[in-house]
């Protein structure tokens, strides 16, 4: 895998998508104003006299729309920050601190995190475990490297070899090192602000009469902006997954580490392994996970690329799935 080329490509695509995101916000503002202009012109056409545009019509339309978008972003990001930081969020998702003193598997995990952080020249995040999740998965969260958390499922500890677990940890450390967790939260805030424009239009519609027409215009323009924001947020997330995959190969110098994780995930998806007792994750947390719940579908609103695509980028060709063998976590637990 030419990991430096893949990293540069993912970063360049992220910049392009972020520029499109800014354009989507501008287009939403312009769209709301244009829709209201058309509504006002339509009202003038029906009336026997010309009432003209109200004073500061443009300024109010643009100002209120921007206030909704930026206000929604501020509220959402503030709520995420006031949630108590990365550790509290991880605990809300069912994680607990790793206990290396009582578990050989968790001692191995802590050792691997230390090794990867040394290779990445980054502070060591808090290490946590999702004990009730038997499928292979993990997530990283935190606004900065200094207060970040990595959480790994019990299934990953049980089903992955040491090299595979190292690849998984390197992938999550990349998200922290590259600022992906912070970026995702900022984009989630902006999408929330765009959704607020749609909700504002819905509120105005309830007034009836001409307010219903104005509200519908705002709602249509707001919904287009919100959908564009959701699509771009998912596209950025997919590029950051490609970047984290390439980083993991760079830091571990092994395709078979993370590659083995993803190949076992193919088996996990094609069997009943994940369809039984694992507690469901909130939809808002899906973008945090190493493996999204719908990653194999390849939809435009998926936060993760298809597994087969990620595997091809790592190996340069398609690879078969690997069996889920609990014995694979072998004597590596003694590490």
Foldseek 3Di string as FASTA:
>chain_A
DPLVVLLVVLVVVLVVLVVVLVVLLVQLLVQLLVLVVVLLVVVCVPDPHHPDDDPCSSVVSNVVLVCLLVVLLVVQLVCVVVCPWAVSVVVVQQKDFQDVPVFLLSVLLQVLQVLLCVLVVADREGEIEREQAQDWKKFKAGQARVHIYIYTYPNCSQFAASLQSSLRSQLRVLCRVVRVRNVLSSLVSSLSSLVSQLVVLVVQLVVDDSSVSSSVSSNVSSVSSSVSSLLSSLVSLASSSSSSNSRSCVSSVDLCRNLLVLLQVVVVVVDCNRVPRRDDGPPVCQSRMNDHPCQQPQDSNHNHHHSQVSNCVSVVDGDHHDHRDSCSRPPSSND
